[in-house]
Structure formats: structure tokens, C-alpha cells
N, C-alpha and C. Protein backbone atom coordinates (compact mmCIF):
# COMPACT_ATOMS: atom_id res chain seq x y z
N MET A 1 -7.32 -6.74 -9.74
CA MET A 1 -7.28 -5.78 -8.66
C MET A 1 -7.77 -4.44 -9.20
N ASP A 2 -8.63 -3.80 -8.42
CA ASP A 2 -9.16 -2.51 -8.82
C ASP A 2 -8.15 -1.42 -8.52
N VAL A 3 -8.09 -0.44 -9.41
CA VAL A 3 -7.24 0.72 -9.19
C VAL A 3 -8.13 1.85 -8.72
N VAL A 4 -7.75 2.46 -7.64
CA VAL A 4 -8.53 3.56 -7.06
C VAL A 4 -7.86 4.87 -7.42
N ASP A 5 -8.65 5.81 -7.95
CA ASP A 5 -8.12 7.13 -8.27
C ASP A 5 -7.99 7.92 -6.98
N VAL A 6 -6.80 8.38 -6.70
CA VAL A 6 -6.54 9.14 -5.48
C VAL A 6 -6.06 10.52 -5.87
N ASP A 7 -6.62 11.54 -5.22
CA ASP A 7 -6.15 12.88 -5.54
C ASP A 7 -4.79 13.11 -4.90
N SER A 8 -4.12 14.16 -5.32
CA SER A 8 -2.74 14.41 -4.88
C SER A 8 -2.67 15.30 -3.65
N THR A 9 -3.81 15.63 -3.06
CA THR A 9 -3.78 16.45 -1.86
C THR A 9 -3.41 15.60 -0.67
N ASN A 10 -3.13 16.24 0.42
CA ASN A 10 -2.79 15.54 1.66
C ASN A 10 -4.05 15.43 2.51
N GLN A 11 -5.15 15.05 1.88
CA GLN A 11 -6.45 15.02 2.53
C GLN A 11 -6.92 13.58 2.63
N ASP A 12 -7.44 13.19 3.81
CA ASP A 12 -7.93 11.83 3.95
C ASP A 12 -9.41 11.77 3.57
N HIS A 13 -9.99 10.57 3.70
CA HIS A 13 -11.39 10.38 3.30
C HIS A 13 -12.36 11.21 4.12
N ALA A 14 -11.98 11.52 5.35
CA ALA A 14 -12.86 12.32 6.21
C ALA A 14 -12.70 13.81 5.96
N GLY A 15 -11.77 14.18 5.05
CA GLY A 15 -11.58 15.58 4.71
C GLY A 15 -10.54 16.28 5.54
N HIS A 16 -9.86 15.56 6.40
CA HIS A 16 -8.83 16.18 7.23
C HIS A 16 -7.55 16.33 6.43
N VAL A 17 -6.91 17.46 6.61
CA VAL A 17 -5.67 17.74 5.91
C VAL A 17 -4.52 17.69 6.91
N GLY A 18 -3.43 17.08 6.51
CA GLY A 18 -2.26 17.01 7.38
C GLY A 18 -1.37 15.86 6.95
N PRO A 19 -0.27 15.67 7.68
CA PRO A 19 0.66 14.60 7.30
C PRO A 19 0.02 13.23 7.54
N HIS A 20 0.30 12.32 6.65
CA HIS A 20 -0.18 10.94 6.78
C HIS A 20 0.84 10.15 7.57
N GLY A 21 0.44 8.96 8.03
CA GLY A 21 1.32 8.13 8.83
C GLY A 21 2.62 7.77 8.15
N TYR A 22 2.59 7.67 6.84
CA TYR A 22 3.79 7.28 6.09
C TYR A 22 4.70 8.47 5.76
N SER A 23 4.26 9.67 6.04
CA SER A 23 4.99 10.87 5.61
C SER A 23 6.44 10.91 6.09
N ALA A 24 6.69 10.44 7.31
CA ALA A 24 8.05 10.48 7.85
C ALA A 24 9.00 9.57 7.08
N ARG A 25 8.46 8.54 6.44
CA ARG A 25 9.29 7.58 5.69
C ARG A 25 8.99 7.63 4.19
N LYS A 26 8.49 8.75 3.72
CA LYS A 26 8.07 8.87 2.33
C LYS A 26 9.19 8.51 1.35
N ASP A 27 10.39 9.04 1.56
CA ASP A 27 11.51 8.76 0.65
C ASP A 27 11.82 7.27 0.60
N GLU A 28 11.79 6.64 1.77
CA GLU A 28 12.04 5.20 1.86
C GLU A 28 10.98 4.41 1.08
N HIS A 29 9.73 4.84 1.22
CA HIS A 29 8.63 4.17 0.51
C HIS A 29 8.76 4.34 -1.00
N VAL A 30 9.08 5.53 -1.43
CA VAL A 30 9.23 5.78 -2.87
C VAL A 30 10.36 4.91 -3.42
N LYS A 31 11.46 4.82 -2.69
CA LYS A 31 12.58 3.99 -3.11
C LYS A 31 12.14 2.52 -3.24
N ARG A 32 11.39 2.06 -2.26
CA ARG A 32 10.90 0.68 -2.29
C ARG A 32 9.98 0.45 -3.49
N LEU A 33 9.09 1.40 -3.74
CA LEU A 33 8.18 1.26 -4.88
C LEU A 33 8.92 1.29 -6.21
N ARG A 34 9.98 2.06 -6.29
CA ARG A 34 10.78 2.07 -7.53
C ARG A 34 11.44 0.72 -7.76
N ARG A 35 11.89 0.07 -6.67
CA ARG A 35 12.45 -1.28 -6.82
C ARG A 35 11.39 -2.25 -7.32
N ILE A 36 10.18 -2.14 -6.78
CA ILE A 36 9.07 -3.01 -7.21
C ILE A 36 8.74 -2.73 -8.67
N GLU A 37 8.73 -1.46 -9.04
CA GLU A 37 8.49 -1.10 -10.44
C GLU A 37 9.53 -1.75 -11.34
N GLY A 38 10.78 -1.75 -10.90
CA GLY A 38 11.85 -2.39 -11.67
C GLY A 38 11.61 -3.88 -11.80
N GLN A 39 11.12 -4.51 -10.74
CA GLN A 39 10.81 -5.94 -10.81
C GLN A 39 9.72 -6.20 -11.85
N VAL A 40 8.70 -5.37 -11.87
CA VAL A 40 7.60 -5.55 -12.81
C VAL A 40 8.07 -5.31 -14.24
N ARG A 41 8.89 -4.31 -14.44
CA ARG A 41 9.46 -4.08 -15.78
C ARG A 41 10.32 -5.27 -16.20
N GLY A 42 11.01 -5.87 -15.23
CA GLY A 42 11.79 -7.07 -15.52
C GLY A 42 10.91 -8.21 -15.98
N LEU A 43 9.72 -8.32 -15.41
CA LEU A 43 8.78 -9.35 -15.85
C LEU A 43 8.40 -9.14 -17.32
N GLN A 44 8.17 -7.90 -17.68
CA GLN A 44 7.84 -7.58 -19.07
C GLN A 44 8.98 -8.00 -19.99
N ARG A 45 10.19 -7.69 -19.59
CA ARG A 45 11.35 -8.08 -20.41
C ARG A 45 11.47 -9.60 -20.51
N MET A 46 11.18 -10.29 -19.42
CA MET A 46 11.24 -11.75 -19.44
C MET A 46 10.25 -12.33 -20.45
N VAL A 47 9.04 -11.79 -20.47
CA VAL A 47 8.04 -12.27 -21.42
C VAL A 47 8.47 -11.95 -22.84
N GLU A 48 8.96 -10.73 -23.05
CA GLU A 48 9.40 -10.33 -24.39
C GLU A 48 10.54 -11.20 -24.90
N SER A 49 11.38 -11.70 -23.99
CA SER A 49 12.52 -12.52 -24.42
C SER A 49 12.23 -14.02 -24.32
N ASP A 50 10.95 -14.36 -24.17
CA ASP A 50 10.52 -15.77 -24.13
C ASP A 50 11.20 -16.59 -23.03
N THR A 51 11.30 -16.01 -21.85
CA THR A 51 11.87 -16.71 -20.70
C THR A 51 10.92 -17.85 -20.29
N TYR A 52 11.51 -18.90 -19.74
CA TYR A 52 10.76 -20.07 -19.28
C TYR A 52 9.69 -19.66 -18.28
N CYS A 53 8.48 -20.21 -18.44
CA CYS A 53 7.31 -19.80 -17.63
C CYS A 53 7.57 -19.87 -16.12
N ILE A 54 8.19 -20.94 -15.67
CA ILE A 54 8.41 -21.10 -14.24
C ILE A 54 9.32 -20.00 -13.70
N ASP A 55 10.30 -19.60 -14.48
CA ASP A 55 11.18 -18.51 -14.07
C ASP A 55 10.39 -17.20 -13.95
N ILE A 56 9.48 -16.97 -14.86
CA ILE A 56 8.64 -15.77 -14.80
C ILE A 56 7.74 -15.84 -13.58
N LEU A 57 7.13 -16.99 -13.34
CA LEU A 57 6.25 -17.15 -12.19
C LEU A 57 7.00 -16.93 -10.87
N THR A 58 8.24 -17.35 -10.83
CA THR A 58 9.07 -17.12 -9.63
C THR A 58 9.23 -15.63 -9.39
N GLN A 59 9.46 -14.88 -10.46
CA GLN A 59 9.61 -13.43 -10.33
C GLN A 59 8.28 -12.75 -10.02
N VAL A 60 7.17 -13.29 -10.54
CA VAL A 60 5.84 -12.75 -10.19
C VAL A 60 5.62 -12.90 -8.69
N SER A 61 5.98 -14.06 -8.17
CA SER A 61 5.83 -14.31 -6.74
C SER A 61 6.66 -13.31 -5.92
N ALA A 62 7.89 -13.07 -6.35
CA ALA A 62 8.77 -12.12 -5.64
C ALA A 62 8.18 -10.71 -5.68
N SER A 63 7.65 -10.31 -6.82
CA SER A 63 7.05 -8.98 -6.96
C SER A 63 5.81 -8.86 -6.08
N THR A 64 5.01 -9.91 -6.07
CA THR A 64 3.79 -9.92 -5.25
C THR A 64 4.14 -9.80 -3.77
N LYS A 65 5.13 -10.54 -3.34
CA LYS A 65 5.55 -10.49 -1.93
C LYS A 65 6.10 -9.10 -1.58
N ALA A 66 6.82 -8.49 -2.51
CA ALA A 66 7.35 -7.15 -2.26
C ALA A 66 6.21 -6.15 -2.09
N LEU A 67 5.17 -6.25 -2.93
CA LEU A 67 4.02 -5.35 -2.80
C LEU A 67 3.27 -5.62 -1.50
N GLN A 68 3.13 -6.88 -1.13
CA GLN A 68 2.45 -7.22 0.12
C GLN A 68 3.21 -6.65 1.32
N ALA A 69 4.54 -6.77 1.30
CA ALA A 69 5.35 -6.22 2.39
C ALA A 69 5.19 -4.71 2.48
N PHE A 70 5.15 -4.05 1.33
CA PHE A 70 4.94 -2.60 1.30
C PHE A 70 3.58 -2.26 1.89
N ALA A 71 2.56 -3.01 1.48
CA ALA A 71 1.20 -2.76 1.97
C ALA A 71 1.12 -2.94 3.47
N LEU A 72 1.74 -3.97 4.00
CA LEU A 72 1.72 -4.19 5.44
C LEU A 72 2.43 -3.07 6.20
N SER A 73 3.52 -2.59 5.66
CA SER A 73 4.24 -1.48 6.27
C SER A 73 3.37 -0.23 6.31
N LEU A 74 2.71 0.04 5.19
CA LEU A 74 1.84 1.21 5.10
C LEU A 74 0.65 1.06 6.05
N LEU A 75 0.09 -0.14 6.12
CA LEU A 75 -1.03 -0.39 7.03
C LEU A 75 -0.61 -0.19 8.48
N GLU A 76 0.56 -0.68 8.83
CA GLU A 76 1.05 -0.50 10.20
C GLU A 76 1.17 0.99 10.54
N GLU A 77 1.72 1.76 9.61
CA GLU A 77 1.85 3.20 9.85
C GLU A 77 0.49 3.87 9.96
N HIS A 78 -0.47 3.41 9.16
CA HIS A 78 -1.82 3.97 9.22
C HIS A 78 -2.45 3.69 10.59
N LEU A 79 -2.28 2.46 11.06
CA LEU A 79 -2.85 2.11 12.36
C LEU A 79 -2.20 2.92 13.49
N LYS A 80 -0.88 3.05 13.43
CA LYS A 80 -0.16 3.77 14.49
C LYS A 80 -0.47 5.27 14.48
N HIS A 81 -0.68 5.83 13.31
CA HIS A 81 -0.85 7.28 13.20
C HIS A 81 -2.33 7.66 13.11
N CYS A 82 -2.95 7.33 12.01
CA CYS A 82 -4.32 7.80 11.74
C CYS A 82 -5.35 7.19 12.67
N VAL A 83 -5.30 5.85 12.82
CA VAL A 83 -6.30 5.18 13.65
C VAL A 83 -6.07 5.51 15.12
N ALA A 84 -4.82 5.48 15.56
CA ALA A 84 -4.53 5.79 16.96
C ALA A 84 -4.93 7.22 17.31
N ASP A 85 -4.65 8.17 16.43
CA ASP A 85 -5.04 9.57 16.68
C ASP A 85 -6.56 9.70 16.77
N ALA A 86 -7.27 9.04 15.85
CA ALA A 86 -8.73 9.11 15.85
C ALA A 86 -9.29 8.44 17.10
N ALA A 87 -8.70 7.31 17.52
CA ALA A 87 -9.18 6.62 18.72
C ALA A 87 -8.97 7.50 19.96
N ALA A 88 -7.87 8.22 20.01
CA ALA A 88 -7.60 9.10 21.14
C ALA A 88 -8.63 10.23 21.22
N GLN A 89 -9.11 10.67 20.05
CA GLN A 89 -10.11 11.73 20.01
C GLN A 89 -11.51 11.19 20.30
N GLY A 90 -11.72 9.92 19.95
CA GLY A 90 -13.01 9.29 20.18
C GLY A 90 -14.08 9.77 19.22
N GLY A 91 -15.28 9.38 19.49
CA GLY A 91 -16.43 9.80 18.69
C GLY A 91 -16.54 9.06 17.37
N PRO A 92 -17.37 9.59 16.48
CA PRO A 92 -17.64 8.91 15.21
C PRO A 92 -16.40 8.80 14.31
N GLU A 93 -15.47 9.74 14.44
CA GLU A 93 -14.26 9.67 13.61
C GLU A 93 -13.45 8.42 13.95
N ALA A 94 -13.41 8.05 15.22
CA ALA A 94 -12.69 6.85 15.63
C ALA A 94 -13.33 5.62 15.00
N ASP A 95 -14.65 5.55 15.07
CA ASP A 95 -15.36 4.41 14.47
C ASP A 95 -15.12 4.35 12.97
N GLU A 96 -15.10 5.52 12.33
CA GLU A 96 -14.88 5.59 10.89
C GLU A 96 -13.48 5.09 10.52
N LYS A 97 -12.47 5.51 11.28
CA LYS A 97 -11.10 5.08 10.99
C LYS A 97 -10.92 3.58 11.21
N VAL A 98 -11.55 3.03 12.23
CA VAL A 98 -11.46 1.58 12.47
C VAL A 98 -12.14 0.83 11.33
N ALA A 99 -13.31 1.30 10.91
CA ALA A 99 -14.02 0.66 9.80
C ALA A 99 -13.21 0.75 8.51
N GLU A 100 -12.61 1.89 8.28
CA GLU A 100 -11.77 2.10 7.10
C GLU A 100 -10.58 1.15 7.11
N ALA A 101 -9.91 1.02 8.25
CA ALA A 101 -8.76 0.11 8.37
C ALA A 101 -9.20 -1.33 8.19
N THR A 102 -10.33 -1.69 8.76
CA THR A 102 -10.87 -3.06 8.63
C THR A 102 -11.14 -3.38 7.16
N ALA A 103 -11.72 -2.45 6.43
CA ALA A 103 -11.99 -2.65 5.00
C ALA A 103 -10.68 -2.80 4.22
N ALA A 104 -9.68 -2.01 4.58
CA ALA A 104 -8.37 -2.11 3.90
C ALA A 104 -7.75 -3.46 4.15
N ILE A 105 -7.84 -3.95 5.38
CA ILE A 105 -7.29 -5.26 5.70
C ILE A 105 -8.03 -6.34 4.91
N ALA A 106 -9.34 -6.23 4.82
CA ALA A 106 -10.13 -7.21 4.05
C ALA A 106 -9.69 -7.21 2.59
N ARG A 107 -9.45 -6.03 2.01
CA ARG A 107 -9.01 -5.97 0.61
C ARG A 107 -7.64 -6.63 0.46
N LEU A 108 -6.75 -6.41 1.42
CA LEU A 108 -5.42 -7.03 1.35
C LEU A 108 -5.53 -8.54 1.44
N LEU A 109 -6.41 -9.04 2.27
CA LEU A 109 -6.59 -10.48 2.40
C LEU A 109 -7.15 -11.12 1.14
N ARG A 110 -7.96 -10.38 0.42
CA ARG A 110 -8.54 -10.91 -0.83
C ARG A 110 -7.55 -10.87 -2.00
N SER A 111 -6.51 -10.07 -1.87
CA SER A 111 -5.59 -9.93 -3.01
C SER A 111 -4.55 -11.02 -3.04
């Protein structure tokens, strides 16, 4: 999986600045990501302690599902906030947001 470098501003790809769709639940998302981080660190400990492969694979599956659930939640918020707002405004920005969301969905399906 490719890692994308994202700047720390509140700016989207089109250059608009403002709250993102996930902003209202930011604390909840951070908490969820910390749990996922703990799961991944647990995988490292399992390998270091020579845990049985199938047990590690079970935990890999759980971590993967947790990340997928997070991604779907974030995607839903993006569609409800960013894409819906752009669609209401119409014009090329709406088309851009739909294309951007479509590409994100395609990346999620490939992962």
C-alpha cells in the first residue's frame, strides 16, 4: 500500500480551507486509530515472541478489518459533507469531488 504525504493544513485538494467531514468526530477517530495502532504493535510483539503463525494471521485479519471499518466511516463522512456540499454548489467542483471520491473507493477496493 502506498503512503501519501499529507500536509497538516485544513486544506483539501481543491485548495479550499475549512472543516472536513470528519472534524466533528475527530476525537473518536483518533481514539479508534490508537486502538488500531495498539493492534499493530501487538502483531510486532507476537512475531518477536515466536507466536504461532495462524494466531498472528488471525490478528492481522482483525487489524485489517478495523482499518477497513475506519476507512468506510471516513468515506461516509466525506460523501455526506464534502461531496454533498460540492454537489449542492454544482459546477466543475462537484464533478471533481465525485471523481475524487470514486478514485478513493477504487483504492479501498484494491486494498
